[in-house]
Each structure stands twice: as structure tokens, then as C-alpha cells.
Amino acid sequence: MQTQRIWPQVIALVALTAITVAAPPAKGFMNPDLARILLWHLPCALLSTIFLFMSAVWGFRAIASPTSDNDARLAASLDLTTALAILTLLTGSVFSRVQWGAWWSWDPRQTSYLFVALILLGGMALRSGLDEPVKRAKASAGYTLVMLVPIAFLTFVYPRLPQVQSLHPSDTIQQGSLDNPYRIGVLCGMLAIGFVATCLWRLRVRALELELQ
């Protein structure tokens, strides 16, 4: 990435940092002052889901039309999904520490998302373990489509089962309990982190296209 092209991404992240610092204490949390991590945690979680479905789309296209371009876009989408999932886990650990007193509380939602990250890392390991381009592209595309089922279950279904008791404020957004500054902050986080992630995705695609030529 050329130096002059880095500035928009840096400005976006600095702006989000400023919004995070300026956000008022969040009501309804054990530590309202430190709930600001939500402005990073929620966007990373939501964007990882978006990139996951992007990966599935490119996985389908890679199977229907096995070209190096489709494979590059699939691989880049999988990379960004994994990176955002790891950031979700890290920011979630910070939230757990400041709200529940431990970096890792074995909360069902934390644990299920850990499995999501491991499944994604498994896809990257599978890809890196295959040297033959055609075989690697087919295996990666197939794995991406198959993993969509367990990840969707772990993300959307399991945490909401009646018998699953979680400390995680899963219904914070759905019930509209976030204050307006936090709603705006989460939207700004989506825009800022999404902008940076999209730029990284494009750079990764270009690098992979050159590598696969």
C-alpha cells in the first residue's frame, strides 16, 4: 500500500478512536465507563459475519467457475473473516475483563465464538497445506461452503437456545437498549472498520492474483 493511500484508513481509525474516547458512560453495564469497547467489538463481530457470507459467495463462484480470480477473492474474504473474528474475540476478552472480572469467563457466547474462530483458522490451515493450485482452490471453496452451517449455528442459534444461560448482553441491539451515542458510535465503527477491512481485502486480492499467475 502506497504511503499516500494509507492516510484515509489511518484517519478513519483515529476518528473512531476519538469517538470512543468521547462516548459517555454506557448505562446498564457493570462498568459503564469501560463499556466503550463495544464501539469496536460489535462492528468487528458484525463485519466478520458480512465477510463470512462474502466468503461463501466467492466459494460458490469458485466452484461454479474455477478461475484464479475467484480463488483469490475467496482466499482474501476468508483471511478478512478470520482476522475480524480474532479481533472480535480479543475485544470480547477486554469486555469480559472490565465487566465480569476475568479475561475469559467461559461464557457460552464466548466459547461458541472461539469455535467459530477455530473453524476459520482450520480453513486457512487447509489452504496453506495444499500446494497444487487447482486442488487448493477446490478444497478451500468446498470447506468454506461446508463451514457456513456450523458457524451459522454457533453464531445465531446456539447462543439463543432457551437452556443456554449467558452473561453476554445478546439483546442489547435488538431491544434498543443502547443509548443514542452508542448507536451512532457502533454505526461509525462499522463504517470505519469496514472501510479499512475493504481496503485490506482489495490489497489481499491483488497480492493473491499476482501470486496465482
Protein backbone atom coordinates (compact mmCIF):
# COMPACT_ATOMS: atom_id res chain seq x y z
CA MET A 1 0.00 0.00 0.00
CA GLN A 2 1.48 3.32 -1.01
CA THR A 3 2.06 5.87 1.76
CA GLN A 4 -0.39 8.41 0.35
CA ARG A 5 -3.11 5.76 0.26
CA ILE A 6 -2.70 4.84 3.92
CA TRP A 7 -3.95 8.17 5.22
CA PRO A 8 -7.69 7.58 4.64
CA GLN A 9 -7.52 4.34 6.64
CA VAL A 10 -5.48 5.97 9.42
CA ILE A 11 -7.90 8.91 9.59
CA ALA A 12 -10.86 6.51 9.82
CA LEU A 13 -9.34 4.61 12.75
CA VAL A 14 -8.22 7.80 14.51
CA ALA A 15 -11.73 9.22 14.13
CA LEU A 16 -13.23 6.05 15.60
CA THR A 17 -10.75 6.24 18.49
CA ALA A 18 -11.80 9.84 19.16
CA ILE A 19 -15.49 8.84 19.10
CA THR A 20 -14.72 6.01 21.53
CA VAL A 21 -12.96 8.33 23.97
CA ALA A 22 -15.70 10.95 23.71
CA ALA A 23 -18.55 8.47 24.24
CA PRO A 24 -20.36 8.90 27.59
CA PRO A 25 -20.58 6.05 30.12
CA ALA A 26 -22.95 3.36 28.86
CA LYS A 27 -25.99 2.74 31.01
CA GLY A 28 -26.92 -0.76 32.09
CA PHE A 29 -23.37 -2.17 32.32
CA MET A 30 -21.38 -3.17 35.40
CA ASN A 31 -18.61 -0.79 34.39
CA PRO A 32 -20.28 1.96 32.32
CA ASP A 33 -17.04 3.91 31.74
CA LEU A 34 -15.26 0.97 30.10
CA ALA A 35 -18.18 -0.25 28.02
CA ARG A 36 -16.78 1.90 25.19
CA ILE A 37 -15.01 -1.22 23.87
CA LEU A 38 -18.43 -2.05 22.37
CA LEU A 39 -17.75 0.53 19.66
CA TRP A 40 -15.01 -1.79 18.39
CA HIS A 41 -16.32 -5.18 19.49
CA LEU A 42 -19.77 -5.01 17.89
CA PRO A 43 -18.55 -3.71 14.49
CA CYS A 44 -15.88 -6.42 14.32
CA ALA A 45 -18.46 -9.11 15.12
CA LEU A 46 -20.98 -7.80 12.58
CA LEU A 47 -18.37 -7.29 9.87
CA SER A 48 -16.92 -10.77 10.39
CA THR A 49 -20.39 -12.12 9.60
CA ILE A 50 -20.61 -9.99 6.46
CA PHE A 51 -17.21 -11.19 5.26
CA LEU A 52 -18.19 -14.75 6.13
CA PHE A 53 -21.11 -14.59 3.71
CA MET A 54 -18.84 -12.91 1.17
CA SER A 55 -16.54 -15.92 1.54
CA ALA A 56 -19.46 -18.24 0.90
CA VAL A 57 -20.45 -16.30 -2.24
CA TRP A 58 -16.92 -16.46 -3.60
CA GLY A 59 -16.68 -20.10 -2.58
CA PHE A 60 -19.77 -20.87 -4.66
CA ARG A 61 -18.37 -18.88 -7.59
CA ALA A 62 -15.01 -20.64 -7.28
CA ILE A 63 -16.79 -24.00 -7.61
CA ALA A 64 -19.09 -22.87 -10.44
CA SER A 65 -16.28 -21.07 -12.29
CA PRO A 66 -12.86 -22.26 -11.08
CA THR A 67 -10.66 -19.32 -12.05
CA SER A 68 -7.68 -17.81 -10.26
CA ASP A 69 -9.59 -14.54 -9.84
CA ASN A 70 -12.44 -16.22 -7.97
CA ASP A 71 -9.98 -18.20 -5.89
CA ALA A 72 -8.09 -15.02 -4.95
CA ARG A 73 -11.28 -13.31 -3.84
CA LEU A 74 -12.33 -16.35 -1.85
CA ALA A 75 -8.97 -16.54 -0.09
CA ALA A 76 -8.96 -12.80 0.67
CA SER A 77 -12.50 -12.97 2.06
CA LEU A 78 -11.56 -15.92 4.26
CA ASP A 79 -8.48 -14.05 5.52
CA LEU A 80 -10.50 -10.96 6.45
CA THR A 81 -13.26 -13.04 8.06
CA THR A 82 -10.67 -14.76 10.23
CA ALA A 83 -8.91 -11.51 11.15
CA LEU A 84 -12.19 -9.87 12.16
CA ALA A 85 -13.23 -12.95 14.15
CA ILE A 86 -9.95 -12.83 16.07
CA LEU A 87 -10.44 -9.11 16.73
CA THR A 88 -13.95 -9.93 17.96
CA LEU A 89 -12.51 -12.46 20.41
CA LEU A 90 -9.82 -10.04 21.62
CA THR A 91 -12.19 -7.11 22.14
CA GLY A 92 -14.68 -9.51 23.72
CA SER A 93 -11.99 -10.61 26.17
CA VAL A 94 -11.40 -6.98 27.12
CA PHE A 95 -15.15 -6.54 27.62
CA SER A 96 -15.20 -9.69 29.77
CA ARG A 97 -12.34 -8.39 31.90
CA VAL A 98 -13.84 -4.97 32.61
CA GLN A 99 -17.45 -6.16 33.00
CA TRP A 100 -17.18 -9.63 34.52
CA GLY A 101 -13.72 -9.51 36.16
CA ALA A 102 -11.93 -12.13 34.02
CA TRP A 103 -10.29 -12.12 30.60
CA TRP A 104 -12.05 -15.37 29.80
CA SER A 105 -15.20 -16.37 31.69
CA TRP A 106 -16.20 -19.44 29.64
CA ASP A 107 -19.45 -17.70 28.84
CA PRO A 108 -21.38 -19.79 26.26
CA ARG A 109 -21.25 -16.99 23.71
CA GLN A 110 -17.52 -16.54 24.19
CA THR A 111 -16.93 -20.26 23.89
CA SER A 112 -19.12 -20.69 20.79
CA TYR A 113 -17.31 -17.84 19.07
CA LEU A 114 -13.97 -19.42 19.95
CA PHE A 115 -15.11 -22.47 17.97
CA VAL A 116 -16.06 -20.14 15.10
CA ALA A 117 -12.52 -18.74 15.08
CA LEU A 118 -11.03 -22.25 15.19
CA ILE A 119 -13.16 -23.35 12.22
CA LEU A 120 -11.98 -20.31 10.26
CA LEU A 121 -8.35 -20.97 11.18
CA GLY A 122 -8.90 -24.55 10.02
CA GLY A 123 -9.85 -23.21 6.58
CA MET A 124 -6.67 -21.18 6.40
CA ALA A 125 -4.62 -24.19 7.54
CA LEU A 126 -6.25 -26.36 4.87
CA ARG A 127 -5.41 -23.83 2.19
CA SER A 128 -1.82 -23.36 3.29
CA GLY A 129 -1.31 -27.13 3.44
CA LEU A 130 -2.06 -27.66 -0.27
CA ASP A 131 0.50 -26.64 -2.89
CA GLU A 132 -1.32 -27.62 -6.09
CA PRO A 133 -3.38 -24.55 -7.13
CA VAL A 134 -6.44 -26.34 -8.58
CA LYS A 135 -6.73 -28.81 -5.71
CA ARG A 136 -6.22 -26.00 -3.18
CA ALA A 137 -8.91 -23.84 -4.79
CA LYS A 138 -11.47 -26.67 -4.85
CA ALA A 139 -10.73 -27.78 -1.29
CA SER A 140 -10.85 -24.21 0.01
CA ALA A 141 -14.13 -23.46 -1.76
CA GLY A 142 -15.73 -26.68 -0.53
CA TYR A 143 -14.58 -26.12 3.05
CA THR A 144 -15.88 -22.55 3.00
CA LEU A 145 -19.36 -23.63 1.95
CA VAL A 146 -19.48 -26.52 4.44
CA MET A 147 -18.26 -24.43 7.38
CA LEU A 148 -21.10 -21.95 6.83
CA VAL A 149 -23.54 -24.36 8.53
CA PRO A 150 -21.73 -24.89 11.87
CA ILE A 151 -20.66 -21.23 12.04
CA ALA A 152 -24.23 -20.06 11.46
CA PHE A 153 -25.42 -22.42 14.21
CA LEU A 154 -22.73 -21.30 16.67
CA THR A 155 -23.29 -17.62 15.91
CA PHE A 156 -27.06 -17.28 15.55
CA VAL A 157 -28.74 -20.37 17.02
CA TYR A 158 -26.77 -21.84 19.92
CA PRO A 159 -26.42 -18.61 22.00
CA ARG A 160 -30.20 -18.10 21.77
CA LEU A 161 -31.29 -21.57 22.86
CA PRO A 162 -33.58 -21.35 25.95
CA GLN A 163 -31.34 -23.62 28.02
CA VAL A 164 -28.20 -21.57 27.33
CA GLN A 165 -27.58 -19.08 30.13
CA SER A 166 -25.18 -16.32 29.11
CA LEU A 167 -23.84 -13.17 30.73
CA HIS A 168 -23.42 -11.70 27.28
CA PRO A 169 -25.84 -8.82 26.55
CA SER A 170 -27.06 -10.54 23.39
CA ASP A 171 -30.26 -8.49 23.04
CA THR A 172 -28.66 -5.09 23.60
CA ILE A 173 -29.15 -4.00 19.99
CA GLN A 174 -32.36 -5.92 19.30
CA GLN A 175 -34.16 -4.41 22.29
CA GLY A 176 -32.88 -0.91 21.54
CA SER A 177 -31.29 -0.53 24.97
CA LEU A 178 -28.17 1.18 23.66
CA ASP A 179 -28.06 4.94 24.17
CA ASN A 180 -28.07 7.10 21.04
CA PRO A 181 -24.34 7.98 21.30
CA TYR A 182 -23.56 4.26 21.28
CA ARG A 183 -25.88 3.52 18.38
CA ILE A 184 -24.14 6.25 16.40
CA GLY A 185 -20.77 5.01 17.64
CA VAL A 186 -21.44 1.45 16.51
CA LEU A 187 -22.51 2.76 13.10
CA CYS A 188 -19.30 4.83 12.90
CA GLY A 189 -17.34 1.74 13.92
CA MET A 190 -18.99 -0.25 11.14
CA LEU A 191 -18.08 2.44 8.62
CA ALA A 192 -14.51 2.96 9.82
CA ILE A 193 -13.52 -0.67 10.38
CA GLY A 194 -15.49 -1.77 7.31
CA PHE A 195 -13.65 0.80 5.18
CA VAL A 196 -10.25 -0.39 6.43
CA ALA A 197 -11.21 -4.06 6.04
CA THR A 198 -12.44 -3.48 2.47
CA CYS A 199 -9.19 -1.74 1.55
CA LEU A 200 -7.21 -4.62 3.03
CA TRP A 201 -9.39 -7.10 1.15
CA ARG A 202 -8.64 -5.38 -2.15
CA LEU A 203 -4.91 -5.33 -1.42
CA ARG A 204 -5.01 -9.02 -0.49
CA VAL A 205 -6.86 -9.87 -3.70
CA ARG A 206 -4.24 -8.07 -5.79
CA ALA A 207 -1.40 -9.81 -3.97
CA LEU A 208 -3.01 -13.22 -4.43
CA GLU A 209 -3.76 -12.59 -8.10
CA LEU A 210 -0.08 -11.84 -8.68
CA GLU A 211 0.89 -14.91 -6.68
CA LEU A 212 -1.51 -17.20 -8.58
CA GLN A 213 -0.48 -16.02 -12.06
